Protein backbone atom coordinates (compact mmCIF):
# COMPACT_ATOMS: atom_id res chain seq x y z
CA MET A 1 53.06 -6.22 49.79
CA ALA A 2 50.55 -4.31 47.86
CA LYS A 3 47.24 -6.80 47.18
CA ARG A 4 45.99 -7.57 43.76
CA GLY A 5 42.65 -6.84 43.25
CA GLY A 6 40.54 -9.08 42.09
CA GLY A 7 40.13 -10.87 45.54
CA GLY A 8 37.19 -9.28 47.70
CA ARG A 9 36.31 -6.83 45.34
CA LYS A 10 33.04 -6.71 45.00
CA SER A 11 31.27 -6.90 40.96
CA PRO A 12 30.86 -3.88 40.07
CA ALA A 13 27.53 -2.60 38.84
CA GLU A 14 27.00 -3.56 35.38
CA PRO A 15 28.75 -1.02 32.83
CA ALA A 16 27.19 1.25 30.39
CA TRP A 17 28.37 -0.27 27.42
CA GLU A 18 27.37 -3.66 28.07
CA THR A 19 24.17 -1.81 28.37
CA ALA A 20 24.02 -0.51 25.14
CA LEU A 21 25.13 -3.87 23.84
CA VAL A 22 22.13 -5.36 25.28
CA ASP A 23 19.91 -2.64 23.36
CA VAL A 24 22.03 -3.07 20.13
CA PHE A 25 22.19 -6.52 20.71
CA ASP A 26 18.16 -6.23 20.36
CA ASP A 27 17.64 -3.99 18.29
CA HIS A 28 18.74 -5.48 15.12
CA GLN A 29 16.92 -8.84 15.99
CA ARG A 30 19.47 -10.59 17.59
CA ARG A 31 21.22 -10.85 14.12
CA TYR A 32 24.66 -9.22 15.53
CA GLY A 33 27.88 -10.65 15.92
CA THR A 34 30.75 -9.32 17.34
CA ARG A 35 32.17 -8.68 14.93
CA ARG A 36 28.83 -5.81 14.49
CA LEU A 37 28.23 -5.31 17.76
CA ARG A 38 31.73 -3.55 17.85
CA VAL A 39 30.94 -0.70 15.08
CA GLU A 40 27.81 -0.36 16.75
CA LEU A 41 29.64 0.37 20.22
CA ARG A 42 32.28 2.08 18.97
CA GLU A 43 29.69 4.21 17.15
CA LEU A 44 28.08 4.59 20.52
CA GLY A 45 31.11 5.83 21.84
CA TYR A 46 32.26 2.71 22.93
CA GLN A 47 36.47 1.59 22.77
CA VAL A 48 35.50 -2.39 23.55
CA GLY A 49 37.42 -5.85 21.70
CA ARG A 50 35.31 -8.40 20.75
CA GLN A 51 36.53 -10.38 23.38
CA ALA A 52 34.37 -8.60 26.43
CA ILE A 53 31.81 -8.67 23.64
CA ARG A 54 31.37 -12.33 23.93
CA THR A 55 32.20 -12.66 27.91
CA ALA A 56 29.37 -9.61 28.15
CA LEU A 57 26.95 -11.55 25.96
CA ARG A 58 28.02 -15.16 26.69
CA ARG A 59 26.94 -14.01 30.86
CA GLN A 60 23.61 -11.78 29.39
CA ALA A 61 22.98 -16.14 28.13
CA ARG A 62 22.09 -14.51 24.57
CA LYS A 63 23.74 -15.38 21.08
CA ALA A 64 22.84 -14.46 18.21
CA LEU A 65 21.01 -16.23 15.82
CA GLN A 66 22.56 -18.20 12.66
CA PRO A 67 20.82 -17.48 9.16
CA LYS A 68 19.31 -20.50 8.16
CA ALA A 69 21.02 -21.58 3.73
CA PHE A 70 18.66 -20.44 1.23
CA VAL A 71 17.63 -24.11 0.13
CA PRO A 72 15.32 -22.94 -3.37
CA ARG A 73 11.75 -24.89 -4.04
CA THR A 74 12.48 -26.74 -6.91
CA THR A 75 11.12 -28.22 -9.47
CA ASP A 76 10.41 -31.78 -9.35
CA SER A 77 11.92 -33.29 -12.88
CA THR A 78 11.63 -36.77 -11.36
CA HIS A 79 7.85 -36.64 -11.68
CA GLY A 80 7.95 -39.30 -14.73
CA LYS A 81 4.84 -37.70 -17.05
CA ARG A 82 6.32 -36.08 -20.46
CA CYS A 83 7.91 -33.19 -21.49
CA ALA A 84 6.91 -31.02 -24.98
CA PRO A 85 8.78 -31.59 -27.21
CA ASN A 86 11.66 -29.27 -29.07
CA LEU A 87 10.07 -27.59 -31.74
CA LEU A 88 13.42 -26.69 -32.75
CA LEU A 89 16.06 -28.79 -33.13
CA ASP A 90 15.89 -29.52 -36.36
CA GLN A 91 15.36 -26.43 -37.47
CA PRO A 92 17.50 -24.01 -38.97
CA LYS A 93 18.90 -21.58 -36.90
CA PRO A 94 16.72 -18.03 -38.13
CA THR A 95 18.56 -15.39 -40.01
CA GLN A 96 14.91 -12.44 -39.18
CA ALA A 97 14.64 -11.03 -36.05
CA ASN A 98 11.71 -11.72 -34.18
CA ARG A 99 10.99 -14.46 -35.56
CA VAL A 100 12.43 -17.75 -32.80
CA TRP A 101 11.84 -16.41 -29.37
CA VAL A 102 12.81 -18.88 -26.39
CA SER A 103 12.57 -18.54 -22.73
CA ASP A 104 13.65 -19.57 -19.14
CA ILE A 105 13.38 -18.66 -15.84
CA THR A 106 14.39 -18.87 -13.10
CA TYR A 107 14.49 -17.62 -9.22
CA LEU A 108 16.64 -14.34 -7.53
CA PRO A 109 17.94 -14.69 -3.64
CA LEU A 110 16.44 -11.61 -1.82
CA ALA A 111 18.68 -9.98 1.13
CA ASN A 112 15.25 -10.04 3.34
CA GLY A 113 15.03 -14.74 2.38
CA ASN A 114 12.80 -14.55 -0.01
CA TRP A 115 13.26 -14.37 -3.45
CA VAL A 116 11.26 -13.62 -6.96
CA TYR A 117 10.71 -15.62 -9.92
CA CYS A 118 12.62 -13.96 -13.25
CA CYS A 119 11.37 -15.22 -17.26
CA ALA A 120 13.27 -13.50 -19.43
CA PHE A 121 12.59 -13.74 -23.71
CA GLN A 122 15.47 -14.24 -25.53
CA ASP A 123 15.17 -13.70 -29.57
CA VAL A 124 17.21 -17.11 -31.11
CA CYS A 125 18.67 -14.83 -34.10
CA THR A 126 20.18 -12.23 -32.52
CA LYS A 127 20.51 -13.12 -29.30
CA GLN A 128 18.61 -10.39 -27.68
CA VAL A 129 16.35 -9.91 -25.05
CA VAL A 130 13.30 -9.09 -26.62
CA GLY A 131 11.15 -8.98 -23.03
CA THR A 132 10.14 -10.41 -19.28
CA VAL A 133 8.16 -10.86 -17.50
CA PRO A 134 7.57 -9.15 -13.51
CA PRO A 135 9.68 -11.03 -10.98
CA ARG A 136 7.01 -12.84 -8.15
CA ARG A 137 7.27 -13.04 -4.87
CA HIS A 138 7.80 -16.25 -2.95
CA PHE A 139 7.86 -16.36 0.20
CA ALA A 140 10.89 -19.06 2.29
CA SER A 141 8.89 -18.70 4.98
CA ALA A 142 5.96 -20.97 2.74
CA GLY A 143 5.75 -24.52 2.39
């Protein structure tokens, strides 16, 4: 009767793909999960499944970081102070271009976790954007 392996075997040295796994994981600042790590390892020539990667990461006591959700810091509209009046409410719609412009400001989140503010000016008559203010960087970690 043949013996099955596993009972009395010594655990072999760490496989080469696990060494590569740790290097790839650290190179990407602990941001890659099993799906991306599998792609990277396959590009390096290692055919490894996600479950094996998951097990190896647990054995190495490594866990991918989860990015925090982006929470914009916006204006406090409950400040109780008087707002500027809307001077266009009682006016007729302009019939000539470049007579009345309106503007608005918004933020745009960036892939790296920062964001930029963007301001645009629109001609009320033609509905075309007539100008923008260059974005200004703000950092998510500030505040």
